[in-house]
C-alpha atoms as a PDB file:
ATOM      1  CA  MET A   1      -1.688 -19.110 -11.771  1.00  0.00           C
ATOM      2  CA  THR A   2      -3.000 -16.235  -9.969  1.00  0.00           C
ATOM      3  CA  ARG A   3      -2.559 -13.216 -12.598  1.00  0.00           C
ATOM      4  CA  HIS A   4      -1.365 -10.089 -10.258  1.00  0.00           C
ATOM      5  CA  PRO A   5      -4.601  -7.616 -11.049  1.00  0.00           C
ATOM      6  CA  GLU A   6      -3.963  -3.955 -12.309  1.00  0.00           C
ATOM      7  CA  THR A   7      -1.819  -2.323 -10.970  1.00  0.00           C
ATOM      8  CA  PRO A   8      -2.971   0.539  -9.273  1.00  0.00           C
ATOM      9  CA  ARG A   9      -3.029   4.421 -10.619  1.00  0.00           C
ATOM     10  CA  SER A  10      -0.757   5.644  -8.097  1.00  0.00           C
ATOM     11  CA  ALA A  11       1.837   2.976  -8.706  1.00  0.00           C
ATOM     12  CA  THR A  12       2.649   4.479 -12.258  1.00  0.00           C
ATOM     13  CA  ARG A  13       3.979   7.581 -10.693  1.00  0.00           C
ATOM     14  CA  SER A  14       5.929   5.674  -8.249  1.00  0.00           C
ATOM     15  CA  THR A  15       9.208   4.743 -11.069  1.00  0.00           C
ATOM     16  CA  GLU A  16      10.799   6.565 -12.954  1.00  0.00           C
ATOM     17  CA  GLN A  17      13.804   6.472 -15.746  1.00  0.00           C
ATOM     18  CA  THR A  18      17.406   7.557 -14.638  1.00  0.00           C
ATOM     19  CA  GLY A  19      19.387   9.374 -16.591  1.00  0.00           C
ATOM     20  CA  GLY A  20      20.941   5.393 -17.640  1.00  0.00           C
ATOM     21  CA  GLY A  21      17.566   4.395 -18.585  1.00  0.00           C
ATOM     22  CA  GLU A  22      17.078   2.976 -15.748  1.00  0.00           C
ATOM     23  CA  ALA A  23      13.854   2.524 -13.091  1.00  0.00           C
ATOM     24  CA  SER A  24      14.244   4.317 -10.365  1.00  0.00           C
ATOM     25  CA  LEU A  25      11.704   4.034  -7.400  1.00  0.00           C
ATOM     26  CA  THR A  26      10.073   7.001  -5.165  1.00  0.00           C
ATOM     27  CA  THR A  27      10.845   6.493  -1.319  1.00  0.00           C
ATOM     28  CA  GLY A  28       7.765   5.517  -0.912  1.00  0.00           C
ATOM     29  CA  ALA A  29       7.817   2.393  -3.561  1.00  0.00           C
ATOM     30  CA  LEU A  30      11.290   1.840  -1.478  1.00  0.00           C
ATOM     31  CA  ALA A  31       9.553   1.330   1.131  1.00  0.00           C
ATOM     32  CA  ARG A  32       6.663  -1.084   0.206  1.00  0.00           C
ATOM     33  CA  ARG A  33       9.513  -2.746  -1.314  1.00  0.00           C
ATOM     34  CA  LEU A  34      11.378  -3.269   1.524  1.00  0.00           C
ATOM     35  CA  GLY A  35       8.753  -3.663   4.105  1.00  0.00           C
ATOM     36  CA  VAL A  36       9.295   0.095   6.414  1.00  0.00           C
ATOM     37  CA  ALA A  37       8.039   2.897   7.141  1.00  0.00           C
ATOM     38  CA  PRO A  38       9.225   5.956   4.817  1.00  0.00           C
ATOM     39  CA  THR A  39      10.218   7.243   7.168  1.00  0.00           C
ATOM     40  CA  THR A  40      12.197   5.136   8.113  1.00  0.00           C
ATOM     41  CA  LEU A  41      14.721   5.163   5.044  1.00  0.00           C
ATOM     42  CA  ARG A  42      14.854   9.509   5.764  1.00  0.00           C
ATOM     43  CA  THR A  43      16.384   8.214   8.907  1.00  0.00           C
ATOM     44  CA  TRP A  44      18.859   6.010   7.846  1.00  0.00           C
ATOM     45  CA  GLU A  45      19.702   8.904   5.541  1.00  0.00           C
ATOM     46  CA  ARG A  46      20.063  11.347   8.129  1.00  0.00           C
ATOM     47  CA  ARG A  47      22.616   9.424  10.604  1.00  0.00           C
ATOM     48  CA  TYR A  48      24.196   6.805   8.710  1.00  0.00           C
ATOM     49  CA  GLY A  49      24.424   8.642   4.905  1.00  0.00           C
ATOM     50  CA  ILE A  50      22.874   5.109   2.897  1.00  0.00           C
ATOM     51  CA  GLY A  51      20.575   8.156   0.693  1.00  0.00           C
ATOM     52  CA  PRO A  52      20.159   8.013  -2.735  1.00  0.00           C
ATOM     53  CA  GLY A  53      22.743   9.485  -4.990  1.00  0.00           C
ATOM     54  CA  HIS A  54      20.804  11.927  -6.569  1.00  0.00           C
ATOM     55  CA  ARG A  55      17.339  13.371  -7.212  1.00  0.00           C
ATOM     56  CA  ALA A  56      15.019  14.234  -9.166  1.00  0.00           C
ATOM     57  CA  HIS A  57      13.035  17.758  -9.555  1.00  0.00           C
ATOM     58  CA  GLY A  58      15.093  19.646  -7.573  1.00  0.00           C
ATOM     59  CA  ARG A  59      13.966  17.635  -3.857  1.00  0.00           C
ATOM     60  CA  HIS A  60      12.009  14.888  -4.603  1.00  0.00           C
ATOM     61  CA  ARG A  61      14.258  11.906  -3.717  1.00  0.00           C
ATOM     62  CA  ARG A  62      14.721   8.923  -6.898  1.00  0.00           C
ATOM     63  CA  TRP A  63      16.123   5.682  -5.754  1.00  0.00           C
ATOM     64  CA  SER A  64      18.038   3.843  -8.490  1.00  0.00           C
ATOM     65  CA  PRO A  65      19.068   0.333  -8.645  1.00  0.00           C
ATOM     66  CA  GLU A  66      22.328   0.616  -6.820  1.00  0.00           C
ATOM     67  CA  ASP A  67      20.374   2.715  -4.437  1.00  0.00           C
ATOM     68  CA  VAL A  68      18.156  -0.476  -4.062  1.00  0.00           C
ATOM     69  CA  ALA A  69      20.179  -3.198  -3.785  1.00  0.00           C
ATOM     70  CA  ARG A  70      22.367  -1.025  -1.174  1.00  0.00           C
ATOM     71  CA  LEU A  71      18.837  -0.712   0.814  1.00  0.00           C
ATOM     72  CA  GLU A  72      18.015  -4.140   0.302  1.00  0.00           C
ATOM     73  CA  HIS A  73      21.583  -5.527   1.936  1.00  0.00           C
ATOM     74  CA  MET A  74      20.966  -3.421   4.614  1.00  0.00           C
ATOM     75  CA  CYS A  75      17.647  -4.497   5.872  1.00  0.00           C
ATOM     76  CA  HIS A  76      19.320  -8.186   5.006  1.00  0.00           C
ATOM     77  CA  LEU A  77      22.333  -7.530   7.508  1.00  0.00           C
ATOM     78  CA  THR A  78      20.085  -6.210  10.225  1.00  0.00           C
ATOM     79  CA  ALA A  79      17.582  -8.977   9.796  1.00  0.00           C
ATOM     80  CA  GLN A  80      20.724 -10.994  11.379  1.00  0.00           C
ATOM     81  CA  GLY A  81      20.716  -8.713  14.695  1.00  0.00           C
ATOM     82  CA  ILE A  82      23.219  -6.380  13.092  1.00  0.00           C
ATOM     83  CA  THR A  83      22.628  -3.009  14.584  1.00  0.00           C
ATOM     84  CA  PRO A  84      21.348  -0.168  12.007  1.00  0.00           C
ATOM     85  CA  SER A  85      24.444   1.590  12.299  1.00  0.00           C
ATOM     86  CA  GLU A  86      26.846  -0.842  11.146  1.00  0.00           C
ATOM     87  CA  ALA A  87      24.809  -2.121   8.450  1.00  0.00           C
ATOM     88  CA  ALA A  88      24.613   1.239   6.845  1.00  0.00           C
ATOM     89  CA  ARG A  89      27.922   1.441   7.282  1.00  0.00           C
ATOM     90  CA  LEU A  90      28.863  -1.969   5.379  1.00  0.00           C
ATOM     91  CA  ALA A  91      26.423  -2.032   3.232  1.00  0.00           C
ATOM     92  CA  LEU A  92      28.033   1.684   1.833  1.00  0.00           C
ATOM     93  CA  SER A  93      31.794  -0.293   1.910  1.00  0.00           C
ATOM     94  CA  ALA A  94      30.164  -2.621  -0.382  1.00  0.00           C
ATOM     95  CA  THR A  95      29.257  -0.354  -3.009  1.00  0.00           C
ATOM     96  CA  GLY A  96      32.767   1.919  -2.715  1.00  0.00           C
ATOM     97  CA  ARG A  97      30.814   5.154  -0.920  1.00  0.00           C
ATOM     98  CA  SER A  98      31.790   5.350   3.074  1.00  0.00           C
ATOM     99  CA  THR A  99      30.561   7.382   5.644  1.00  0.00           C
ATOM    100  CA  ASP A 100      31.978   9.291   8.482  1.00  0.00           C
ATOM    101  CA  ARG A 101      29.882   8.289  10.629  1.00  0.00           C
ATOM    102  CA  PRO A 102      31.155   6.653  13.552  1.00  0.00           C
ATOM    103  CA  THR A 103      29.980   3.505  13.663  1.00  0.00           C
ATOM    104  CA  THR A 104      29.823   0.032  16.166  1.00  0.00           C
ATOM    105  CA  CYS A 105      29.787  -3.864  15.202  1.00  0.00           C
ATOM    106  CA  GLU A 106      27.154  -6.339  17.445  1.00  0.00           C
ATOM    107  CA  PRO A 107      27.309  -9.671  17.421  1.00  0.00           C
ATOM    108  CA  PRO A 108      24.325 -10.913  15.424  1.00  0.00           C
ATOM    109  CA  ARG A 109      21.656 -11.700  17.976  1.00  0.00           C
ATOM    110  CA  ASN A 110      19.088 -13.283  15.849  1.00  0.00           C
ATOM    111  CA  PRO A 111      19.291 -16.876  13.952  1.00  0.00           C
ATOM    112  CA  GLY A 112      18.624 -15.624  10.611  1.00  0.00           C
ATOM    113  CA  GLY A 113      16.371 -13.240   8.328  1.00  0.00           C
ATOM    114  CA  PHE A 114      14.163 -12.387   5.427  1.00  0.00           C
ATOM    115  CA  ARG A 115      16.320 -14.549   3.398  1.00  0.00           C
ATOM    116  CA  ASP A 116      15.812 -17.722   5.374  1.00  0.00           C
ATOM    117  CA  LEU A 117      12.233 -17.563   5.164  1.00  0.00           C
ATOM    118  CA  PRO A 118      10.499 -20.084   3.589  1.00  0.00           C
ATOM    119  CA  LEU A 119       8.810 -17.850   0.804  1.00  0.00           C
ATOM    120  CA  GLY A 120       8.942 -18.885  -2.391  1.00  0.00           C
ATOM    121  CA  GLN A 121       7.289 -17.656  -5.816  1.00  0.00           C
ATOM    122  CA  VAL A 122       5.094 -14.612  -3.954  1.00  0.00           C
ATOM    123  CA  TRP A 123       4.254 -11.082  -4.887  1.00  0.00           C
ATOM    124  CA  PRO A 124       6.750  -8.241  -3.950  1.00  0.00           C
ATOM    125  CA  GLU A 125       4.019  -7.107  -1.337  1.00  0.00           C
ATOM    126  CA  SER A 126       4.765 -10.249   0.581  1.00  0.00           C
ATOM    127  CA  ARG A 127       8.252 -10.212   0.618  1.00  0.00           C
ATOM    128  CA  GLY A 128       8.245  -6.669   1.704  1.00  0.00           C
ATOM    129  CA  LEU A 129       5.794  -7.631   4.851  1.00  0.00           C
ATOM    130  CA  ALA A 130       8.077 -10.739   5.626  1.00  0.00           C
ATOM    131  CA  ARG A 131      11.042  -8.387   5.847  1.00  0.00           C
ATOM    132  CA  ALA A 132       9.280  -5.700   8.276  1.00  0.00           C
ATOM    133  CA  ALA A 133       7.398  -8.622  10.342  1.00  0.00           C
ATOM    134  CA  VAL A 134      11.353 -10.619  10.451  1.00  0.00           C
ATOM    135  CA  ARG A 135      12.619  -7.628  12.085  1.00  0.00           C
ATOM    136  CA  LEU A 136       9.371  -6.613  14.469  1.00  0.00           C
ATOM    137  CA  ASP A 137       9.151  -3.273  13.161  1.00  0.00           C
ATOM    138  CA  ALA A 138       5.415  -2.953  14.276  1.00  0.00           C
ATOM    139  CA  SER A 139       4.674   0.243  12.469  1.00  0.00           C
ATOM    140  CA  ALA A 140       5.800  -0.905   8.683  1.00  0.00           C
ATOM    141  CA  VAL A 141       4.136  -4.228   9.311  1.00  0.00           C
ATOM    142  CA  GLN A 142       0.438  -2.002  10.017  1.00  0.00           C
ATOM    143  CA  ALA A 143       1.204   0.064   7.394  1.00  0.00           C
ATOM    144  CA  GLN A 144       1.867  -2.726   4.975  1.00  0.00           C
ATOM    145  CA  LEU A 145      -0.633  -4.632   6.436  1.00  0.00           C
ATOM    146  CA  ARG A 146      -3.552  -1.173   5.522  1.00  0.00           C
ATOM    147  CA  SER A 147      -2.036  -0.714   2.223  1.00  0.00           C
ATOM    148  CA  VAL A 148      -2.554  -4.228   0.993  1.00  0.00           C
ATOM    149  CA  VAL A 149      -6.161  -4.079   2.064  1.00  0.00           C
ATOM    150  CA  ASP A 150      -7.282  -1.143   0.783  1.00  0.00           C
ATOM    151  CA  THR A 151      -5.105  -1.631  -2.543  1.00  0.00           C
ATOM    152  CA  TYR A 152      -6.336  -5.202  -3.203  1.00  0.00           C
ATOM    153  CA  GLY A 153      -9.399  -5.750  -1.203  1.00  0.00           C
ATOM    154  CA  VAL A 154      -9.750  -7.899   1.760  1.00  0.00           C
ATOM    155  CA  VAL A 155      -9.753 -12.012  -0.407  1.00  0.00           C
ATOM    156  CA  VAL A 156      -7.008 -10.824  -2.421  1.00  0.00           C
ATOM    157  CA  ALA A 157      -4.846  -9.273   0.305  1.00  0.00           C
ATOM    158  CA  TRP A 158      -5.654 -12.197   2.229  1.00  0.00           C
ATOM    159  CA  GLU A 159      -4.982 -15.256   0.271  1.00  0.00           C
ATOM    160  CA  GLN A 160      -1.729 -13.829  -2.540  1.00  0.00           C
ATOM    161  CA  ILE A 161      -0.586 -11.598   0.422  1.00  0.00           C
ATOM    162  CA  ILE A 162      -1.450 -12.151   3.917  1.00  0.00           C
ATOM    163  CA  ALA A 163      -1.800 -15.964   3.955  1.00  0.00           C
ATOM    164  CA  PRO A 164       1.961 -17.344   2.082  1.00  0.00           C
ATOM    165  CA  THR A 165       3.778 -14.639   4.572  1.00  0.00           C
ATOM    166  CA  LEU A 166       2.303 -16.242   7.599  1.00  0.00           C
ATOM    167  CA  HIS A 167       2.714 -19.685   6.327  1.00  0.00           C
ATOM    168  CA  ALA A 168       6.212 -19.119   5.572  1.00  0.00           C
ATOM    169  CA  VAL A 169       6.930 -17.605   8.880  1.00  0.00           C
ATOM    170  CA  GLY A 170       4.732 -20.873  10.810  1.00  0.00           C
ATOM    171  CA  ARG A 171       6.936 -23.295   8.469  1.00  0.00           C
ATOM    172  CA  LYS A 172      10.267 -21.641  10.098  1.00  0.00           C
ATOM    173  CA  TRP A 173       8.765 -21.835  13.213  1.00  0.00           C
ATOM    174  CA  ALA A 174       7.740 -25.331  12.966  1.00  0.00           C
ATOM    175  CA  THR A 175      11.385 -26.265  12.634  1.00  0.00           C
ATOM    176  CA  SER A 176      14.030 -23.513  13.483  1.00  0.00           C
ATOM    177  CA  ASP A 177      13.854 -24.078  18.042  1.00  0.00           C
ATOM    178  CA  GLU A 178      10.813 -21.549  18.201  1.00  0.00           C
ATOM    179  CA  SER A 179      13.507 -19.132  17.248  1.00  0.00           C
ATOM    180  CA  TYR A 180      10.699 -18.008  14.839  1.00  0.00           C
ATOM    181  CA  VAL A 181       7.678 -17.480  17.159  1.00  0.00           C
ATOM    182  CA  GLU A 182       7.690 -13.742  18.298  1.00  0.00           C
ATOM    183  CA  VAL A 183       7.693 -12.909  14.441  1.00  0.00           C
ATOM    184  CA  GLU A 184       4.213 -15.311  14.441  1.00  0.00           C
ATOM    185  CA  HIS A 185       2.698 -13.689  16.984  1.00  0.00           C
ATOM    186  CA  LEU A 186       3.443  -9.808  16.184  1.00  0.00           C
ATOM    187  CA  LEU A 187       2.183 -10.509  12.951  1.00  0.00           C
ATOM    188  CA  SER A 188      -0.538 -12.593  13.873  1.00  0.00           C
ATOM    189  CA  TRP A 189      -1.736  -9.745  16.156  1.00  0.00           C
ATOM    190  CA  HIS A 190      -1.497  -7.065  13.194  1.00  0.00           C
ATOM    191  CA  VAL A 191      -3.621  -9.297  10.758  1.00  0.00           C
ATOM    192  CA  SER A 192      -5.612  -9.862  13.385  1.00  0.00           C
ATOM    193  CA  SER A 193      -5.790  -6.302  13.834  1.00  0.00           C
ATOM    194  CA  THR A 194      -5.809  -4.571  10.289  1.00  0.00           C
ATOM    195  CA  LEU A 195      -8.978  -7.663   9.388  1.00  0.00           C
ATOM    196  CA  ARG A 196     -11.295  -5.493  12.365  1.00  0.00           C
ATOM    197  CA  ALA A 197     -10.242  -2.199  11.298  1.00  0.00           C
ATOM    198  CA  ALA A 198     -10.837  -2.001   7.472  1.00  0.00           C
ATOM    199  CA  VAL A 199     -14.262  -2.742   7.738  1.00  0.00           C
ATOM    200  CA  THR A 200     -17.241  -1.367   9.316  1.00  0.00           C
ATOM    201  CA  ALA A 201     -19.699  -4.566  10.317  1.00  0.00           C
ATOM    202  CA  PRO A 202     -23.487  -3.049   8.073  1.00  0.00           C
ATOM    203  CA  ALA A 203     -26.803  -3.124  10.250  1.00  0.00           C
ATOM    204  CA  GLY A 204     -29.943  -5.054   9.071  1.00  0.00           C
ATOM    205  CA  GLU A 205     -32.089  -7.205  10.540  1.00  0.00           C
ATOM    206  CA  SER A 206     -31.326 -10.018   7.578  1.00  0.00           C
ATOM    207  CA  PRO A 207     -30.739 -13.853   9.193  1.00  0.00           C
ATOM    208  CA  PRO A 208     -26.645 -13.391   9.173  1.00  0.00           C
ATOM    209  CA  VAL A 209     -23.936 -15.446   9.029  1.00  0.00           C
ATOM    210  CA  VAL A 210     -22.312 -16.955  11.875  1.00  0.00           C
ATOM    211  CA  LEU A 211     -18.833 -17.953  12.098  1.00  0.00           C
ATOM    212  CA  ALA A 212     -17.397 -19.215  15.149  1.00  0.00           C
ATOM    213  CA  CYS A 213     -14.096 -21.877  15.637  1.00  0.00           C
ATOM    214  CA  MET A 214     -14.130 -25.428  17.469  1.00  0.00           C
ATOM    215  CA  PRO A 215     -15.067 -25.702  21.001  1.00  0.00           C
ATOM    216  CA  THR A 216     -10.795 -26.713  21.101  1.00  0.00           C
ATOM    217  CA  GLU A 217      -9.602 -24.650  18.174  1.00  0.00           C
ATOM    218  CA  GLN A 218      -7.589 -21.609  18.883  1.00  0.00           C
ATOM    219  CA  HIS A 219      -6.536 -19.954  15.505  1.00  0.00           C
ATOM    220  CA  SER A 220      -9.090 -18.568  14.271  1.00  0.00           C
ATOM    221  CA  LEU A 221      -7.255 -15.981  11.397  1.00  0.00           C
ATOM    222  CA  PRO A 222      -8.644 -17.799   8.338  1.00  0.00           C
ATOM    223  CA  ILE A 223     -12.372 -16.829   9.710  1.00  0.00           C
ATOM    224  CA  GLU A 224     -11.217 -13.404  10.792  1.00  0.00           C
ATOM    225  CA  ALA A 225     -10.553 -13.135   6.926  1.00  0.00           C
ATOM    226  CA  LEU A 226     -14.020 -14.771   6.289  1.00  0.00           C
ATOM    227  CA  TRP A 227     -15.991 -12.500   7.930  1.00  0.00           C
ATOM    228  CA  ALA A 228     -13.295  -9.328   7.005  1.00  0.00           C
ATOM    229  CA  ALA A 229     -15.098  -9.704   3.097  1.00  0.00           C
ATOM    230  CA  LEU A 230     -18.443 -10.393   4.338  1.00  0.00           C
ATOM    231  CA  VAL A 231     -18.338  -7.064   6.029  1.00  0.00           C
ATOM    232  CA  GLU A 232     -16.932  -6.042   2.935  1.00  0.00           C
ATOM    233  CA  ARG A 233     -19.770  -7.020   0.534  1.00  0.00           C
ATOM    234  CA  GLY A 234     -22.255  -5.420   3.109  1.00  0.00           C
ATOM    235  CA  LEU A 235     -23.334  -9.159   4.397  1.00  0.00           C
ATOM    236  CA  PRO A 236     -24.921  -9.360   7.809  1.00  0.00           C
ATOM    237  CA  THR A 237     -22.472 -11.490  10.046  1.00  0.00           C
ATOM    238  CA  ARG A 238     -21.641 -12.856  13.529  1.00  0.00           C
ATOM    239  CA  MET A 239     -18.265 -13.617  14.752  1.00  0.00           C
ATOM    240  CA  PHE A 240     -17.838 -15.398  17.961  1.00  0.00           C
ATOM    241  CA  GLY A 241     -13.645 -16.296  17.255  1.00  0.00           C
ATOM    242  CA  ALA A 242     -11.814 -18.733  18.971  1.00  0.00           C
ATOM    243  CA  ALA A 243     -12.704 -22.015  21.185  1.00  0.00           C
ATOM    244  CA  VAL A 244     -16.718 -21.375  21.267  1.00  0.00           C
ATOM    245  CA  PRO A 245     -17.622 -23.648  23.737  1.00  0.00           C
ATOM    246  CA  LYS A 246     -20.523 -26.026  22.275  1.00  0.00           C
ATOM    247  CA  GLU A 247     -23.732 -25.218  24.686  1.00  0.00           C
ATOM    248  CA  ALA A 248     -22.616 -21.282  24.347  1.00  0.00           C
ATOM    249  CA  LEU A 249     -22.537 -22.183  19.880  1.00  0.00           C
ATOM    250  CA  GLU A 250     -26.214 -23.696  19.953  1.00  0.00           C
ATOM    251  CA  SER A 251     -27.455 -20.830  22.448  1.00  0.00           C
ATOM    252  CA  ALA A 252     -26.678 -18.015  19.845  1.00  0.00           C
ATOM    253  CA  VAL A 253     -27.754 -19.959  17.531  1.00  0.00           C
ATOM    254  CA  ARG A 254     -31.141 -20.146  18.458  1.00  0.00           C
ATOM    255  CA  ARG A 255     -31.039 -17.003  19.654  1.00  0.00           C
ATOM    256  CA  ILE A 256     -29.684 -15.673  16.406  1.00  0.00           C
ATOM    257  CA  GLY A 257     -31.497 -18.292  14.070  1.00  0.00           C
ATOM    258  CA  PRO A 258     -28.974 -17.136  11.101  1.00  0.00           C
ATOM    259  CA  CYS A 259     -28.877 -18.324   7.782  1.00  0.00           C
ATOM    260  CA  ALA A 260     -25.897 -20.397   7.633  1.00  0.00           C
ATOM    261  CA  VAL A 261     -23.060 -21.837  10.668  1.00  0.00           C
ATOM    262  CA  VAL A 262     -19.640 -21.718   9.603  1.00  0.00           C
ATOM    263  CA  LEU A 263     -17.148 -23.812  11.778  1.00  0.00           C
ATOM    264  CA  TRP A 264     -13.680 -23.617  11.350  1.00  0.00           C
ATOM    265  CA  SER A 265     -10.892 -26.410  12.021  1.00  0.00           C
ATOM    266  CA  GLN A 266      -7.356 -25.895  11.641  1.00  0.00           C
ATOM    267  CA  SER A 267      -6.589 -29.479  12.475  1.00  0.00           C
ATOM    268  CA  ARG A 268      -8.036 -32.942  12.806  1.00  0.00           C
ATOM    269  CA  HIS A 269      -7.633 -32.841  16.352  1.00  0.00           C
ATOM    270  CA  THR A 270     -10.484 -29.972  16.403  1.00  0.00           C
ATOM    271  CA  ALA A 271     -12.746 -31.081  14.168  1.00  0.00           C
ATOM    272  CA  ASP A 272     -15.789 -33.096  16.427  1.00  0.00           C
ATOM    273  CA  LEU A 273     -18.271 -34.440  14.123  1.00  0.00           C
ATOM    274  CA  ALA A 274     -20.945 -34.400  17.444  1.00  0.00           C
ATOM    275  CA  VAL A 275     -20.769 -31.139  17.775  1.00  0.00           C
ATOM    276  CA  VAL A 276     -22.053 -30.539  13.984  1.00  0.00           C
ATOM    277  CA  ARG A 277     -24.849 -33.109  14.567  1.00  0.00           C
ATOM    278  CA  ALA A 278     -26.129 -31.531  17.955  1.00  0.00           C
ATOM    279  CA  LEU A 279     -25.813 -28.375  15.511  1.00  0.00           C
ATOM    280  CA  LEU A 280     -27.907 -29.734  13.033  1.00  0.00           C
ATOM    281  CA  THR A 281     -30.727 -30.621  15.458  1.00  0.00           C
ATOM    282  CA  LEU A 282     -31.302 -27.162  16.810  1.00  0.00           C
ATOM    283  CA  GLU A 283     -34.549 -25.461  14.747  1.00  0.00           C
ATOM    284  CA  TRP A 284     -36.115 -22.079  16.187  1.00  0.00           C
ATOM    285  CA  GLY A 285     -39.835 -20.375  14.770  1.00  0.00           C
ATOM    286  CA  VAL A 286     -43.231 -21.162  14.778  1.00  0.00           C
ATOM    287  CA  ARG A 287     -44.874 -24.582  14.979  1.00  0.00           C
ATOM    288  CA  GLY A 288     -45.369 -25.601  11.729  1.00  0.00           C
ATOM    289  CA  ALA A 289     -42.514 -23.408   9.944  1.00  0.00           C
ATOM    290  CA  ARG A 290     -39.862 -24.431  12.291  1.00  0.00           C
ATOM    291  CA  SER A 291     -35.726 -23.404  10.273  1.00  0.00           C
ATOM    292  CA  HIS A 292     -33.020 -25.046  10.560  1.00  0.00           C
ATOM    293  CA  PRO A 293     -29.393 -23.957  10.295  1.00  0.00           C
ATOM    294  CA  LEU A 294     -27.226 -24.478   7.171  1.00  0.00           C
ATOM    295  CA  ALA A 295     -24.132 -25.640   8.590  1.00  0.00           C
ATOM    296  CA  MET A 296     -20.838 -24.984   6.662  1.00  0.00           C
ATOM    297  CA  LEU A 297     -17.662 -26.743   7.075  1.00  0.00           C
ATOM    298  CA  ALA A 298     -14.452 -24.792   6.448  1.00  0.00           C
ATOM    299  CA  GLY A 299     -10.486 -25.404   7.180  1.00  0.00           C
ATOM    300  CA  PRO A 300      -8.223 -28.067   6.676  1.00  0.00           C
ATOM    301  CA  GLY A 301      -9.000 -29.669   9.749  1.00  0.00           C
ATOM    302  CA  TRP A 302     -12.197 -31.160   8.180  1.00  0.00           C
ATOM    303  CA  ALA A 303     -10.207 -32.649   5.578  1.00  0.00           C
ATOM    304  CA  GLY A 304      -9.760 -35.875   7.229  1.00  0.00           C
ATOM    305  CA  THR A 305     -13.200 -36.602   9.078  1.00  0.00           C
ATOM    306  CA  PRO A 306     -16.176 -39.164   6.927  1.00  0.00           C
ATOM    307  CA  SER A 307     -19.232 -37.038   5.484  1.00  0.00           C
ATOM    308  CA  GLU A 308     -21.879 -35.333   7.178  1.00  0.00           C
ATOM    309  CA  PRO A 309     -25.664 -35.921   5.827  1.00  0.00           C
ATOM    310  CA  GLY A 310     -26.473 -31.810   6.011  1.00  0.00           C
ATOM    311  CA  ALA A 311     -23.544 -30.495   6.328  1.00  0.00           C
ATOM    312  CA  SER A 312     -21.633 -28.580   3.250  1.00  0.00           C
ATOM    313  CA  ARG A 313     -17.959 -27.816   3.320  1.00  0.00           C
ATOM    314  CA  LEU A 314     -15.440 -25.113   2.305  1.00  0.00           C
ATOM    315  CA  THR A 315     -12.705 -24.904  -0.121  1.00  0.00           C
ATOM    316  CA  GLY A 316     -11.093 -21.850  -0.221  1.00  0.00           C
ATOM    317  CA  LEU A 317     -11.700 -18.243   1.301  1.00  0.00           C
ATOM    318  CA  ALA A 318     -12.934 -16.733  -2.596  1.00  0.00           C
ATOM    319  CA  SER A 319     -14.952 -19.970  -3.201  1.00  0.00           C
ATOM    320  CA  GLY A 320     -16.443 -19.487  -0.014  1.00  0.00           C
ATOM    321  CA  LEU A 321     -17.456 -16.619  -0.248  1.00  0.00           C
ATOM    322  CA  ALA A 322     -19.234 -16.756  -3.138  1.00  0.00           C
ATOM    323  CA  VAL A 323     -20.877 -19.841  -1.417  1.00  0.00           C
ATOM    324  CA  LEU A 324     -22.188 -17.293   1.659  1.00  0.00           C
ATOM    325  CA  GLU A 325     -23.091 -14.977  -0.723  1.00  0.00           C
ATOM    326  CA  SER A 326     -25.341 -16.626  -3.093  1.00  0.00           C
ATOM    327  CA  LEU A 327     -28.182 -16.914   0.427  1.00  0.00           C
ATOM    328  CA  PHE A 328     -28.119 -13.249   0.413  1.00  0.00           C
ATOM    329  CA  ARG A 329     -29.853 -13.425  -3.009  1.00  0.00           C
ATOM    330  CA  PRO A 330     -33.349 -11.995  -4.229  1.00  0.00           C
ATOM    331  CA  ILE A 331     -35.483 -14.664  -4.613  1.00  0.00           C
ATOM    332  CA  THR A 332     -36.466 -13.621  -8.221  1.00  0.00           C
ATOM    333  CA  GLU A 333     -33.488 -13.563  -9.076  1.00  0.00           C
ATOM    334  CA  PRO A 334     -32.082 -16.676 -11.685  1.00  0.00           C
ATOM    335  CA  PRO A 335     -30.064 -18.972  -9.050  1.00  0.00           C
ATOM    336  CA  THR A 336     -26.453 -19.363 -10.105  1.00  0.00           C
ATOM    337  CA  ALA A 337     -24.837 -22.803 -10.696  1.00  0.00           C
ATOM    338  CA  PRO A 338     -21.524 -23.170  -8.138  1.00  0.00           C
ATOM    339  CA  GLY A 339     -18.484 -23.544  -9.472  1.00  0.00           C
ATOM    340  CA  PRO A 340     -16.398 -26.979  -9.439  1.00  0.00           C
ATOM    341  CA  GLY A 341     -14.485 -27.053  -5.685  1.00  0.00           C
ATOM    342  CA  ALA A 342     -16.815 -24.142  -4.629  1.00  0.00           C
ATOM    343  CA  ALA A 343     -18.935 -26.089  -2.458  1.00  0.00           C
ATOM    344  CA  ARG A 344     -18.671 -29.770  -1.403  1.00  0.00           C
ATOM    345  CA  ARG A 345     -21.975 -31.073  -0.437  1.00  0.00           C
ATOM    346  CA  THR A 346     -21.083 -34.057   2.162  1.00  0.00           C
END
């Protein structure tokens, strides 16, 4: 099991002990846990009276375990399509508190909620991201994504938080008669936007890594995560995205002269070895010193294909990134043997 990284220093100040000895949360910490913006919690308190039971140090809100349970109940109700006003009234009534604000009850509009997602054992940040996505709360989704990338870096954020959430939404979509397609689209769009905004491509003249999806492959998020991880480490790369035509890819490789070409395939229907073979025949450079591309195949689509001489397989973001990083080590640096399963020569 992967160990959770060391808690950031800022997180150590997000909890305190209540009078009864139980841990309480700040508004920011509770917002991250629920997958909402802090301003949303303040709005709910002002409009519906569903605020914390006490404050510490005069003005600062502190949310007790009872307050947290009440807000979680409200989030569960809103995820089912109940209006925030009615959800707040029901959550307050369930714990013996009430509000004088008038509320109206509307029937649920959505077929399910956050708790219906098959998340399994995931990090708390993944649950917060899922809550925000199911509510179609774009600002909260964006804030959650930027926070985890800034806190943990691209690799950990992708493997431990973003990818598990995407997989859960995708599985729910596949088994719920398209009822979660809007959730998957919103979440995917914000993941892509966050990865692009989180890093800045470095300038340099070294041969880069070319990243491209197969000609009929439209799923590009995993290779976008690889691009962001390479850029985060200051390594040169060229990203061509989804569904790159064979002729366009060959033209780009000849013009760029990359150190490696990573080809992404999500399903076996897009894993075309003919494209790989054509790529491996390319060459560039002066006569007597010709160079050939180093092809690396990434994605589950290649799992059922036979071995192709001259091509390597990348498995996983972290291990694949380590293999690509090794291509940029100085010649004077002693080579390091790749770890088991990092890359398999085929």
